[in-house]
């Protein structure tokens, strides 16, 4: 059953999500609603031609920082000094780059203008963070997400040159006290770096701890 949301700041039990994780429809992208969603393992994911859709997948693709795998070639990139990493220096630029980055087998973007504005607001309020990767003063990669206690809920990443987004993720893992990075969507390169699936109950237990 898919639940319809109204102006009240409530969400149904995440365990009631359907097989593909869809839990609810409607509501808004106010800071209070977004924070409540993330605190309960729920996130928005929709496009311009649909209402706001809220998901709570039965499995989460996550990376424990202490399980991070850095290849020999990637260590060479990190040690070369090719990239410089900053935090929250260009949040709006990072989310815009993520929205416009081409994705395999994907038309358009789920990072709509409305979504961009909502997460820029979360950033202003101190709940959303961006990690920027620079090469010769040019923004070439990065990622952004929402912090919920010791969990970082990664929303999207982009890379204009090889290894830029990996550099952002490695910096995130090595320079913060997060116990878990929520990667949401499984990919081959994240798997190679140590990310894996856990069930929703385990994920929610980590969030609440």
N, C-alpha and C. Protein backbone atom coordinates (compact mmCIF):
# COMPACT_ATOMS: atom_id res chain seq x y z
N UNK A 1 0.84 -1.20 0.00
CA UNK A 1 0.00 0.00 0.00
C UNK A 1 0.87 1.25 0.00
N UNK A 2 0.59 2.18 -0.89
CA UNK A 2 1.32 3.43 -0.96
C UNK A 2 0.52 4.50 -0.22
N UNK A 3 1.17 5.18 0.70
CA UNK A 3 0.50 6.16 1.55
C UNK A 3 0.57 7.56 0.95
N UNK A 4 -0.52 8.31 1.08
CA UNK A 4 -0.54 9.69 0.64
C UNK A 4 -0.23 10.62 1.80
N UNK A 5 0.70 11.55 1.60
CA UNK A 5 1.08 12.48 2.65
C UNK A 5 0.33 13.79 2.50
N UNK A 6 0.07 14.45 3.63
CA UNK A 6 -0.55 15.77 3.60
C UNK A 6 0.38 16.74 4.33
N UNK A 7 -0.18 17.80 4.90
CA UNK A 7 0.67 18.82 5.53
C UNK A 7 1.25 18.37 6.87
N UNK A 8 0.74 17.29 7.43
CA UNK A 8 1.26 16.81 8.71
C UNK A 8 2.66 16.22 8.53
N UNK A 9 3.54 16.47 9.50
CA UNK A 9 4.91 15.96 9.43
C UNK A 9 4.97 14.55 10.02
N UNK A 10 4.47 13.61 9.27
CA UNK A 10 4.50 12.21 9.69
C UNK A 10 4.80 11.34 8.47
N UNK A 11 5.38 10.18 8.74
CA UNK A 11 5.60 9.16 7.70
C UNK A 11 5.09 7.83 8.23
N UNK A 12 4.61 6.97 7.34
CA UNK A 12 4.23 5.61 7.77
C UNK A 12 5.46 4.80 8.14
N UNK A 13 5.24 3.68 8.80
CA UNK A 13 6.33 2.77 9.16
C UNK A 13 7.08 2.34 7.90
N UNK A 14 8.41 2.50 7.87
CA UNK A 14 9.17 2.12 6.67
C UNK A 14 8.97 0.67 6.25
N UNK A 15 8.65 -0.20 7.19
CA UNK A 15 8.47 -1.62 6.85
C UNK A 15 7.26 -1.85 5.95
N UNK A 16 6.43 -0.83 5.77
CA UNK A 16 5.24 -0.96 4.94
C UNK A 16 5.51 -0.61 3.48
N UNK A 17 6.74 -0.31 3.14
CA UNK A 17 7.08 0.02 1.76
C UNK A 17 6.81 -1.18 0.85
N UNK A 18 6.52 -0.90 -0.42
CA UNK A 18 6.25 -2.00 -1.35
C UNK A 18 7.56 -2.66 -1.78
N UNK A 19 7.48 -3.59 -2.71
CA UNK A 19 8.65 -4.40 -3.05
C UNK A 19 9.83 -3.58 -3.56
N UNK A 20 9.57 -2.48 -4.27
CA UNK A 20 10.69 -1.69 -4.79
C UNK A 20 11.06 -0.54 -3.85
N UNK A 21 10.47 -0.53 -2.65
CA UNK A 21 10.84 0.45 -1.65
C UNK A 21 9.96 1.68 -1.58
N UNK A 22 9.03 1.83 -2.52
CA UNK A 22 8.15 3.01 -2.51
C UNK A 22 7.23 2.94 -1.30
N UNK A 23 7.24 4.02 -0.53
CA UNK A 23 6.48 4.06 0.72
C UNK A 23 5.33 5.05 0.70
N UNK A 24 5.57 6.25 0.17
CA UNK A 24 4.57 7.31 0.25
C UNK A 24 4.69 8.27 -0.92
N UNK A 25 3.62 9.03 -1.11
CA UNK A 25 3.53 10.01 -2.21
C UNK A 25 3.02 11.33 -1.65
N UNK A 26 3.59 12.43 -2.12
CA UNK A 26 3.06 13.74 -1.74
C UNK A 26 3.91 14.45 -0.70
N UNK A 27 3.28 15.36 0.03
CA UNK A 27 4.01 16.15 1.01
C UNK A 27 4.81 17.25 0.34
N UNK A 28 5.91 17.63 0.96
CA UNK A 28 6.74 18.70 0.44
C UNK A 28 8.21 18.40 0.74
N UNK A 29 9.08 19.33 0.37
CA UNK A 29 10.51 19.15 0.61
C UNK A 29 11.01 20.17 1.63
N UNK A 30 10.20 20.47 2.62
CA UNK A 30 10.63 21.38 3.68
C UNK A 30 11.77 20.73 4.46
N UNK A 31 12.57 21.55 5.10
CA UNK A 31 13.71 21.04 5.86
C UNK A 31 13.25 20.07 6.95
N UNK A 32 12.17 20.42 7.64
CA UNK A 32 11.69 19.56 8.72
C UNK A 32 11.25 18.20 8.19
N UNK A 33 10.57 18.18 7.05
CA UNK A 33 10.11 16.90 6.51
C UNK A 33 11.29 16.06 6.01
N UNK A 34 12.24 16.71 5.34
CA UNK A 34 13.40 15.98 4.85
C UNK A 34 14.20 15.36 6.00
N UNK A 35 14.41 16.13 7.05
CA UNK A 35 15.17 15.61 8.19
C UNK A 35 14.44 14.46 8.86
N UNK A 36 13.12 14.58 9.00
CA UNK A 36 12.34 13.49 9.58
C UNK A 36 12.45 12.24 8.71
N UNK A 37 12.41 12.43 7.41
CA UNK A 37 12.53 11.30 6.49
C UNK A 37 13.86 10.59 6.68
N UNK A 38 14.95 11.34 6.62
CA UNK A 38 16.27 10.72 6.73
C UNK A 38 16.47 10.05 8.09
N UNK A 39 15.92 10.63 9.13
CA UNK A 39 16.04 10.03 10.46
C UNK A 39 15.33 8.68 10.54
N UNK A 40 14.41 8.43 9.61
CA UNK A 40 13.66 7.18 9.59
C UNK A 40 13.99 6.31 8.38
N UNK A 41 15.14 6.58 7.76
CA UNK A 41 15.58 5.75 6.65
C UNK A 41 14.77 5.92 5.38
N UNK A 42 14.23 7.12 5.17
CA UNK A 42 13.38 7.41 4.01
C UNK A 42 14.02 8.55 3.22
N UNK A 43 13.90 8.51 1.90
CA UNK A 43 14.44 9.61 1.09
C UNK A 43 13.54 9.85 -0.12
N UNK A 44 13.53 11.08 -0.66
CA UNK A 44 12.73 11.38 -1.85
C UNK A 44 13.48 11.02 -3.12
N UNK A 45 12.76 10.52 -4.10
CA UNK A 45 13.36 10.16 -5.39
C UNK A 45 12.25 10.18 -6.43
N UNK A 46 12.28 11.19 -7.28
CA UNK A 46 11.20 11.35 -8.25
C UNK A 46 11.69 12.22 -9.39
N UNK A 47 10.84 12.45 -10.39
CA UNK A 47 11.22 13.27 -11.54
C UNK A 47 10.20 14.39 -11.71
N UNK A 48 10.45 15.25 -12.68
CA UNK A 48 9.58 16.41 -12.89
C UNK A 48 8.15 16.04 -13.24
N UNK A 49 7.95 14.86 -13.83
CA UNK A 49 6.61 14.50 -14.27
C UNK A 49 5.87 13.59 -13.28
N UNK A 50 6.35 13.51 -12.04
CA UNK A 50 5.66 12.73 -11.01
C UNK A 50 5.53 13.57 -9.75
N UNK A 51 4.62 13.20 -8.84
CA UNK A 51 4.60 13.85 -7.53
C UNK A 51 5.84 13.43 -6.73
N UNK A 52 6.02 14.02 -5.57
CA UNK A 52 7.15 13.63 -4.72
C UNK A 52 6.95 12.18 -4.26
N UNK A 53 7.93 11.34 -4.51
CA UNK A 53 7.87 9.93 -4.12
C UNK A 53 8.90 9.70 -3.01
N UNK A 54 8.51 8.95 -1.99
CA UNK A 54 9.36 8.69 -0.84
C UNK A 54 9.65 7.20 -0.75
N UNK A 55 10.93 6.87 -0.63
CA UNK A 55 11.37 5.47 -0.66
C UNK A 55 12.05 5.05 0.65
N UNK A 56 11.86 3.78 0.96
CA UNK A 56 12.60 3.13 2.04
C UNK A 56 12.90 1.70 1.58
N UNK A 57 13.99 1.50 0.87
CA UNK A 57 14.30 0.19 0.29
C UNK A 57 14.47 -0.89 1.37
N UNK A 58 14.16 -2.11 1.00
CA UNK A 58 14.29 -3.23 1.93
C UNK A 58 15.76 -3.56 2.21
N UNK A 59 16.63 -3.21 1.28
CA UNK A 59 18.07 -3.35 1.48
C UNK A 59 18.73 -2.01 1.19
N UNK A 60 19.82 -1.71 1.92
CA UNK A 60 20.56 -0.47 1.69
C UNK A 60 21.98 -0.81 1.27
N UNK A 61 22.45 -0.08 0.30
CA UNK A 61 23.82 -0.25 -0.20
C UNK A 61 24.70 0.74 0.57
N UNK A 62 25.57 0.22 1.42
CA UNK A 62 26.30 1.07 2.35
C UNK A 62 27.79 0.77 2.33
N UNK A 63 28.54 1.73 2.85
CA UNK A 63 29.98 1.56 2.99
C UNK A 63 30.37 1.91 4.42
N UNK A 64 30.96 0.93 5.12
CA UNK A 64 31.52 1.21 6.44
C UNK A 64 32.93 1.77 6.21
N UNK A 65 33.21 2.97 6.71
CA UNK A 65 34.53 3.56 6.45
C UNK A 65 35.70 2.65 6.81
N UNK A 66 35.55 1.85 7.88
CA UNK A 66 36.67 0.99 8.26
C UNK A 66 36.84 -0.19 7.29
N UNK A 67 35.88 -0.40 6.39
CA UNK A 67 35.98 -1.46 5.39
C UNK A 67 36.39 -0.90 4.02
N UNK A 68 36.70 0.38 3.97
CA UNK A 68 37.07 1.02 2.70
C UNK A 68 38.29 0.35 2.07
N UNK A 69 38.18 0.05 0.79
CA UNK A 69 39.29 -0.55 0.04
C UNK A 69 39.83 0.49 -0.96
N UNK A 70 41.11 0.78 -0.85
CA UNK A 70 41.75 1.73 -1.75
C UNK A 70 42.78 0.97 -2.57
N UNK A 71 42.59 0.95 -3.87
CA UNK A 71 43.50 0.20 -4.74
C UNK A 71 44.88 0.87 -4.78
N UNK A 72 45.85 0.10 -5.21
CA UNK A 72 47.22 0.62 -5.33
C UNK A 72 47.27 1.81 -6.28
N UNK A 73 46.56 1.69 -7.41
CA UNK A 73 46.56 2.78 -8.39
C UNK A 73 45.88 4.02 -7.83
N UNK A 74 44.83 3.81 -7.01
CA UNK A 74 44.14 4.96 -6.42
C UNK A 74 45.02 5.62 -5.37
N UNK A 75 45.78 4.85 -4.64
CA UNK A 75 46.72 5.44 -3.66
C UNK A 75 47.75 6.31 -4.36
N UNK A 76 48.16 5.88 -5.54
CA UNK A 76 49.12 6.67 -6.31
C UNK A 76 48.50 8.01 -6.73
N UNK A 77 47.23 7.97 -7.11
CA UNK A 77 46.52 9.21 -7.46
C UNK A 77 46.45 10.14 -6.26
N UNK A 78 46.08 9.59 -5.10
CA UNK A 78 45.94 10.40 -3.89
C UNK A 78 47.28 11.01 -3.48
N UNK A 79 48.35 10.24 -3.63
CA UNK A 79 49.67 10.71 -3.22
C UNK A 79 50.31 11.67 -4.22
N UNK A 80 49.76 11.73 -5.41
CA UNK A 80 50.35 12.56 -6.46
C UNK A 80 50.11 14.06 -6.24
N UNK A 81 49.10 14.38 -5.44
CA UNK A 81 48.76 15.79 -5.25
C UNK A 81 48.00 16.38 -6.41
N UNK A 82 47.50 15.52 -7.30
CA UNK A 82 46.77 15.99 -8.47
C UNK A 82 45.50 16.74 -8.08
N UNK A 83 44.83 16.25 -7.03
CA UNK A 83 43.55 16.82 -6.63
C UNK A 83 43.65 17.54 -5.28
N UNK A 84 42.80 18.54 -5.13
CA UNK A 84 42.60 19.21 -3.84
C UNK A 84 41.14 19.01 -3.46
N UNK A 85 40.89 18.67 -2.20
CA UNK A 85 39.52 18.44 -1.73
C UNK A 85 39.13 19.51 -0.73
N UNK A 86 37.92 20.06 -0.90
CA UNK A 86 37.37 21.04 0.05
C UNK A 86 35.99 20.56 0.49
N UNK A 87 35.50 21.16 1.55
CA UNK A 87 34.19 20.80 2.10
C UNK A 87 33.31 22.04 2.16
N UNK A 88 32.12 21.93 1.58
CA UNK A 88 31.13 23.01 1.63
C UNK A 88 31.63 24.34 1.07
N UNK A 89 32.51 24.29 0.10
CA UNK A 89 32.97 25.51 -0.55
C UNK A 89 32.14 25.84 -1.79
N UNK A 90 31.46 24.83 -2.34
CA UNK A 90 30.71 25.06 -3.58
C UNK A 90 29.53 24.10 -3.66
N UNK A 91 28.70 24.10 -2.61
CA UNK A 91 27.59 23.14 -2.54
C UNK A 91 26.67 23.25 -3.75
N UNK A 92 26.24 24.47 -4.08
CA UNK A 92 25.31 24.65 -5.19
C UNK A 92 25.91 24.17 -6.50
N UNK A 93 27.21 24.39 -6.68
CA UNK A 93 27.87 23.95 -7.91
C UNK A 93 27.93 22.42 -7.99
N UNK A 94 28.16 21.78 -6.84
CA UNK A 94 28.23 20.32 -6.81
C UNK A 94 26.87 19.70 -7.14
N UNK A 95 25.82 20.20 -6.52
CA UNK A 95 24.50 19.59 -6.76
C UNK A 95 24.05 19.85 -8.20
N UNK A 96 24.39 21.00 -8.75
CA UNK A 96 24.06 21.28 -10.14
C UNK A 96 24.83 20.35 -11.07
N UNK A 97 26.10 20.12 -10.77
CA UNK A 97 26.91 19.22 -11.59
C UNK A 97 26.38 17.79 -11.52
N UNK A 98 25.94 17.37 -10.33
CA UNK A 98 25.35 16.04 -10.18
C UNK A 98 24.06 15.92 -11.01
N UNK A 99 23.28 17.01 -11.03
CA UNK A 99 22.01 16.99 -11.75
C UNK A 99 22.21 16.90 -13.26
N UNK A 100 23.28 17.49 -13.75
CA UNK A 100 23.51 17.55 -15.20
C UNK A 100 24.46 16.47 -15.71
N UNK A 101 25.04 15.70 -14.80
CA UNK A 101 25.98 14.66 -15.23
C UNK A 101 25.24 13.56 -15.99
N UNK A 102 25.74 13.13 -17.13
CA UNK A 102 25.10 12.04 -17.88
C UNK A 102 25.17 10.73 -17.11
N UNK A 103 24.07 9.99 -17.12
CA UNK A 103 24.01 8.70 -16.44
C UNK A 103 23.65 7.62 -17.44
N UNK A 104 24.31 6.50 -17.35
CA UNK A 104 24.01 5.38 -18.24
C UNK A 104 22.59 4.89 -18.02
N UNK A 105 21.86 4.67 -19.10
CA UNK A 105 20.49 4.13 -19.04
C UNK A 105 19.55 5.02 -18.25
N UNK A 106 19.78 6.33 -18.26
CA UNK A 106 18.91 7.24 -17.52
C UNK A 106 18.67 8.50 -18.33
N UNK A 107 17.40 8.79 -18.59
CA UNK A 107 17.03 10.01 -19.30
C UNK A 107 16.67 11.08 -18.28
N UNK A 108 17.22 12.27 -18.44
CA UNK A 108 16.89 13.34 -17.52
C UNK A 108 17.56 13.14 -16.17
N UNK A 109 16.99 13.77 -15.13
CA UNK A 109 17.56 13.68 -13.79
C UNK A 109 16.47 13.67 -12.74
N UNK A 110 16.76 13.01 -11.62
CA UNK A 110 15.84 13.07 -10.49
C UNK A 110 16.18 14.25 -9.58
N UNK A 111 17.32 14.91 -9.82
CA UNK A 111 17.70 16.06 -9.01
C UNK A 111 17.08 17.30 -9.66
N UNK A 112 15.79 17.46 -9.48
CA UNK A 112 15.04 18.55 -10.09
C UNK A 112 15.45 19.89 -9.48
N UNK A 113 14.99 20.96 -10.09
CA UNK A 113 15.26 22.30 -9.53
C UNK A 113 14.72 22.40 -8.12
N UNK A 114 13.53 21.83 -7.88
CA UNK A 114 12.93 21.83 -6.54
C UNK A 114 13.82 21.08 -5.54
N UNK A 115 14.37 19.96 -5.97
CA UNK A 115 15.26 19.19 -5.11
C UNK A 115 16.54 19.97 -4.82
N UNK A 116 17.09 20.60 -5.84
CA UNK A 116 18.31 21.38 -5.63
C UNK A 116 18.08 22.48 -4.60
N UNK A 117 16.99 23.19 -4.72
CA UNK A 117 16.69 24.27 -3.78
C UNK A 117 16.51 23.74 -2.36
N UNK A 118 15.87 22.58 -2.23
CA UNK A 118 15.62 22.00 -0.91
C UNK A 118 16.93 21.60 -0.22
N UNK A 119 17.86 21.02 -0.98
CA UNK A 119 19.12 20.57 -0.36
C UNK A 119 20.08 21.73 -0.15
N UNK A 120 20.00 22.75 -0.98
CA UNK A 120 20.79 23.96 -0.72
C UNK A 120 20.32 24.59 0.59
N UNK A 121 19.02 24.53 0.84
CA UNK A 121 18.49 25.03 2.11
C UNK A 121 18.99 24.19 3.27
N UNK A 122 19.02 22.86 3.12
CA UNK A 122 19.56 21.99 4.17
C UNK A 122 21.03 22.30 4.43
N UNK A 123 21.73 22.62 3.38
CA UNK A 123 23.14 22.99 3.53
C UNK A 123 23.27 24.28 4.34
N UNK A 124 22.45 25.25 4.05
CA UNK A 124 22.48 26.51 4.80
C UNK A 124 22.19 26.27 6.28
N UNK A 125 21.35 25.29 6.56
CA UNK A 125 20.96 24.99 7.94
C UNK A 125 21.97 24.07 8.64
N UNK A 126 22.99 23.61 7.91
CA UNK A 126 24.04 22.80 8.52
C UNK A 126 23.79 21.32 8.53
N UNK A 127 22.86 20.82 7.68
CA UNK A 127 22.54 19.40 7.67
C UNK A 127 23.03 18.68 6.43
N UNK A 128 23.29 19.41 5.36
CA UNK A 128 23.77 18.81 4.11
C UNK A 128 25.17 19.32 3.82
N UNK A 129 26.00 18.45 3.23
CA UNK A 129 27.41 18.77 3.02
C UNK A 129 27.83 18.38 1.61
N UNK A 130 28.76 19.15 1.07
CA UNK A 130 29.36 18.80 -0.21
C UNK A 130 30.86 18.63 -0.04
N UNK A 131 31.40 17.74 -0.84
CA UNK A 131 32.85 17.50 -0.89
C UNK A 131 33.27 17.76 -2.33
N UNK A 132 34.11 18.77 -2.49
CA UNK A 132 34.51 19.22 -3.82
C UNK A 132 35.93 18.77 -4.16
N UNK A 133 36.12 18.32 -5.38
CA UNK A 133 37.45 17.92 -5.84
C UNK A 133 37.87 18.88 -6.95
N UNK A 134 39.04 19.47 -6.75
CA UNK A 134 39.54 20.48 -7.67
C UNK A 134 40.82 20.02 -8.34
N UNK A 135 40.98 20.39 -9.61
CA UNK A 135 42.22 20.18 -10.34
C UNK A 135 42.58 21.50 -11.00
N UNK A 136 43.69 22.08 -10.59
CA UNK A 136 44.10 23.38 -11.13
C UNK A 136 42.99 24.42 -11.00
N UNK A 137 42.37 24.46 -9.81
CA UNK A 137 41.33 25.44 -9.47
C UNK A 137 40.02 25.22 -10.23
N UNK A 138 39.89 24.09 -10.91
CA UNK A 138 38.67 23.76 -11.63
C UNK A 138 37.94 22.64 -10.91
N UNK A 139 36.63 22.80 -10.70
CA UNK A 139 35.83 21.77 -10.04
C UNK A 139 35.66 20.59 -10.99
N UNK A 140 36.23 19.45 -10.64
CA UNK A 140 36.21 18.30 -11.55
C UNK A 140 35.46 17.10 -10.97
N UNK A 141 35.01 17.19 -9.74
CA UNK A 141 34.28 16.07 -9.15
C UNK A 141 33.78 16.43 -7.77
N UNK A 142 32.94 15.57 -7.23
CA UNK A 142 32.45 15.82 -5.88
C UNK A 142 31.23 14.98 -5.57
N UNK A 143 30.74 15.17 -4.37
CA UNK A 143 29.53 14.50 -3.92
C UNK A 143 28.83 15.36 -2.88
N UNK A 144 27.56 15.05 -2.62
CA UNK A 144 26.84 15.75 -1.55
C UNK A 144 25.90 14.77 -0.87
N UNK A 145 25.49 15.13 0.34
CA UNK A 145 24.58 14.27 1.08
C UNK A 145 24.14 14.92 2.36
N UNK A 146 23.41 14.16 3.16
CA UNK A 146 22.82 14.64 4.40
C UNK A 146 23.40 13.86 5.57
N UNK A 147 23.78 14.58 6.62
CA UNK A 147 24.32 13.95 7.82
C UNK A 147 23.20 13.71 8.82
N UNK A 148 23.09 12.47 9.28
CA UNK A 148 22.14 12.11 10.34
C UNK A 148 22.94 11.44 11.44
N UNK A 149 23.33 12.23 12.45
CA UNK A 149 24.19 11.69 13.49
C UNK A 149 25.50 11.23 12.90
N UNK A 150 25.84 9.95 13.11
CA UNK A 150 27.09 9.39 12.60
C UNK A 150 26.90 8.65 11.28
N UNK A 151 25.78 8.91 10.61
CA UNK A 151 25.52 8.33 9.29
C UNK A 151 25.50 9.44 8.25
N UNK A 152 26.24 9.24 7.16
CA UNK A 152 26.21 10.19 6.05
C UNK A 152 25.41 9.57 4.92
N UNK A 153 24.30 10.20 4.58
CA UNK A 153 23.42 9.70 3.52
C UNK A 153 23.82 10.35 2.21
N UNK A 154 24.63 9.66 1.44
CA UNK A 154 25.10 10.19 0.18
C UNK A 154 23.97 10.27 -0.83
N UNK A 155 23.84 11.41 -1.49
CA UNK A 155 22.77 11.60 -2.45
C UNK A 155 23.23 11.39 -3.89
N UNK A 156 24.34 12.00 -4.25
CA UNK A 156 24.81 11.84 -5.62
C UNK A 156 26.27 12.27 -5.70
N UNK A 157 26.94 11.84 -6.76
CA UNK A 157 28.32 12.25 -6.99
C UNK A 157 28.51 12.46 -8.49
N UNK A 158 29.56 13.17 -8.85
CA UNK A 158 29.87 13.37 -10.25
C UNK A 158 31.37 13.39 -10.44
N UNK A 159 31.80 13.15 -11.66
CA UNK A 159 33.22 13.15 -11.96
C UNK A 159 33.42 13.59 -13.40
N UNK A 160 34.19 14.65 -13.60
CA UNK A 160 34.49 15.13 -14.94
C UNK A 160 35.83 14.60 -15.43
N UNK A 161 36.65 14.12 -14.51
CA UNK A 161 37.91 13.48 -14.87
C UNK A 161 38.03 12.20 -14.08
N UNK A 162 38.81 11.27 -14.56
CA UNK A 162 38.95 9.97 -13.92
C UNK A 162 39.40 10.09 -12.46
N UNK A 163 38.71 9.33 -11.59
CA UNK A 163 39.06 9.20 -10.17
C UNK A 163 38.66 10.38 -9.29
N UNK A 164 38.02 11.40 -9.85
CA UNK A 164 37.65 12.56 -9.05
C UNK A 164 36.60 12.23 -7.99
N UNK A 165 35.54 11.53 -8.38
CA UNK A 165 34.50 11.21 -7.40
C UNK A 165 35.00 10.20 -6.37
N UNK A 166 35.88 9.27 -6.80
CA UNK A 166 36.47 8.33 -5.84
C UNK A 166 37.29 9.09 -4.80
N UNK A 167 37.99 10.12 -5.24
CA UNK A 167 38.79 10.93 -4.31
C UNK A 167 37.89 11.60 -3.28
N UNK A 168 36.74 12.10 -3.71
CA UNK A 168 35.80 12.72 -2.77
C UNK A 168 35.30 11.72 -1.74
N UNK A 169 34.95 10.52 -2.20
CA UNK A 169 34.43 9.50 -1.29
C UNK A 169 35.50 9.04 -0.29
N UNK A 170 36.71 8.86 -0.76
CA UNK A 170 37.79 8.44 0.13
C UNK A 170 38.05 9.51 1.18
N UNK A 171 38.06 10.76 0.76
CA UNK A 171 38.26 11.87 1.71
C UNK A 171 37.15 11.86 2.76
N UNK A 172 35.91 11.66 2.31
CA UNK A 172 34.76 11.59 3.22
C UNK A 172 34.97 10.49 4.26
N UNK A 173 35.41 9.32 3.83
CA UNK A 173 35.58 8.18 4.74
C UNK A 173 36.71 8.40 5.73
N UNK A 174 37.79 9.02 5.29
CA UNK A 174 39.00 9.10 6.11
C UNK A 174 39.06 10.32 7.02
N UNK A 175 38.23 11.32 6.77
CA UNK A 175 38.36 12.58 7.49
C UNK A 175 37.12 12.98 8.27
N UNK A 176 36.27 12.01 8.60
CA UNK A 176 35.05 12.29 9.36
C UNK A 176 34.76 11.16 10.34
N UNK A 177 33.94 11.44 11.37
CA UNK A 177 33.65 10.41 12.37
C UNK A 177 32.45 9.53 12.00
N UNK A 178 32.05 9.52 10.73
CA UNK A 178 30.88 8.73 10.35
C UNK A 178 31.17 7.23 10.51
N UNK A 179 30.18 6.52 11.02
CA UNK A 179 30.30 5.07 11.14
C UNK A 179 29.73 4.35 9.92
N UNK A 180 28.96 5.08 9.10
CA UNK A 180 28.33 4.45 7.93
C UNK A 180 28.08 5.50 6.86
N UNK A 181 28.35 5.13 5.60
CA UNK A 181 28.03 5.96 4.45
C UNK A 181 26.93 5.24 3.67
N UNK A 182 25.77 5.86 3.55
CA UNK A 182 24.67 5.28 2.78
C UNK A 182 24.87 5.65 1.32
N UNK A 183 25.13 4.67 0.48
CA UNK A 183 25.40 4.93 -0.95
C UNK A 183 24.15 4.77 -1.82
N UNK A 184 23.06 4.28 -1.25
CA UNK A 184 21.77 4.12 -1.91
C UNK A 184 21.80 3.15 -3.09
N UNK A 185 22.40 3.55 -4.21
CA UNK A 185 22.31 2.76 -5.44
C UNK A 185 23.59 1.96 -5.67
N UNK A 186 23.48 0.63 -5.78
CA UNK A 186 24.68 -0.19 -6.01
C UNK A 186 25.35 0.12 -7.35
N UNK A 187 26.67 0.23 -7.32
CA UNK A 187 27.45 0.39 -8.54
C UNK A 187 28.69 -0.48 -8.43
N UNK A 188 29.27 -0.79 -9.57
CA UNK A 188 30.44 -1.64 -9.58
C UNK A 188 31.63 -1.01 -8.88
N UNK A 189 31.87 0.30 -9.12
CA UNK A 189 33.07 0.89 -8.53
C UNK A 189 32.92 1.09 -7.03
N UNK A 190 31.69 1.29 -6.54
CA UNK A 190 31.49 1.39 -5.09
C UNK A 190 31.66 0.01 -4.44
N UNK A 191 31.20 -1.03 -5.12
CA UNK A 191 31.40 -2.39 -4.62
C UNK A 191 32.89 -2.70 -4.50
N UNK A 192 33.66 -2.27 -5.50
CA UNK A 192 35.10 -2.53 -5.49
C UNK A 192 35.79 -1.78 -4.34
N UNK A 193 35.14 -0.73 -3.83
CA UNK A 193 35.72 0.05 -2.73
C UNK A 193 35.24 -0.45 -1.37
N UNK A 194 34.40 -1.51 -1.36
CA UNK A 194 34.00 -2.12 -0.11
C UNK A 194 32.54 -1.96 0.27
N UNK A 195 31.76 -1.27 -0.56
CA UNK A 195 30.34 -1.09 -0.24
C UNK A 195 29.59 -2.42 -0.40
N UNK A 196 28.55 -2.59 0.40
CA UNK A 196 27.77 -3.83 0.35
C UNK A 196 26.35 -3.59 0.82
N UNK A 197 25.50 -4.58 0.62
CA UNK A 197 24.10 -4.47 1.01
C UNK A 197 23.89 -4.92 2.45
N UNK A 198 23.05 -4.18 3.17
CA UNK A 198 22.56 -4.63 4.48
C UNK A 198 21.05 -4.49 4.46
N UNK A 199 20.36 -5.19 5.37
CA UNK A 199 18.90 -5.08 5.37
C UNK A 199 18.45 -3.80 6.08
N UNK A 200 17.21 -3.43 5.84
CA UNK A 200 16.69 -2.17 6.37
C UNK A 200 16.69 -2.14 7.88
N UNK A 201 16.36 -3.25 8.53
CA UNK A 201 16.32 -3.27 9.99
C UNK A 201 17.70 -2.93 10.58
N UNK A 202 18.75 -3.49 9.97
CA UNK A 202 20.10 -3.20 10.44
C UNK A 202 20.44 -1.73 10.22
N UNK A 203 20.04 -1.22 9.07
CA UNK A 203 20.29 0.19 8.75
C UNK A 203 19.59 1.11 9.75
N UNK A 204 18.32 0.82 10.02
CA UNK A 204 17.55 1.66 10.94
C UNK A 204 18.12 1.59 12.37
N UNK A 205 18.62 0.44 12.74
CA UNK A 205 19.22 0.29 14.06
C UNK A 205 20.47 1.18 14.18
N UNK A 206 21.24 1.24 13.12
CA UNK A 206 22.42 2.11 13.12
C UNK A 206 22.00 3.57 13.19
N UNK A 207 20.97 3.94 12.44
CA UNK A 207 20.48 5.33 12.49
C UNK A 207 20.06 5.72 13.89
N UNK A 208 19.34 4.83 14.57
CA UNK A 208 18.79 5.17 15.89
C UNK A 208 19.84 5.10 16.99
N UNK A 209 20.96 4.45 16.70
CA UNK A 209 22.00 4.34 17.74
C UNK A 209 22.89 5.56 17.77
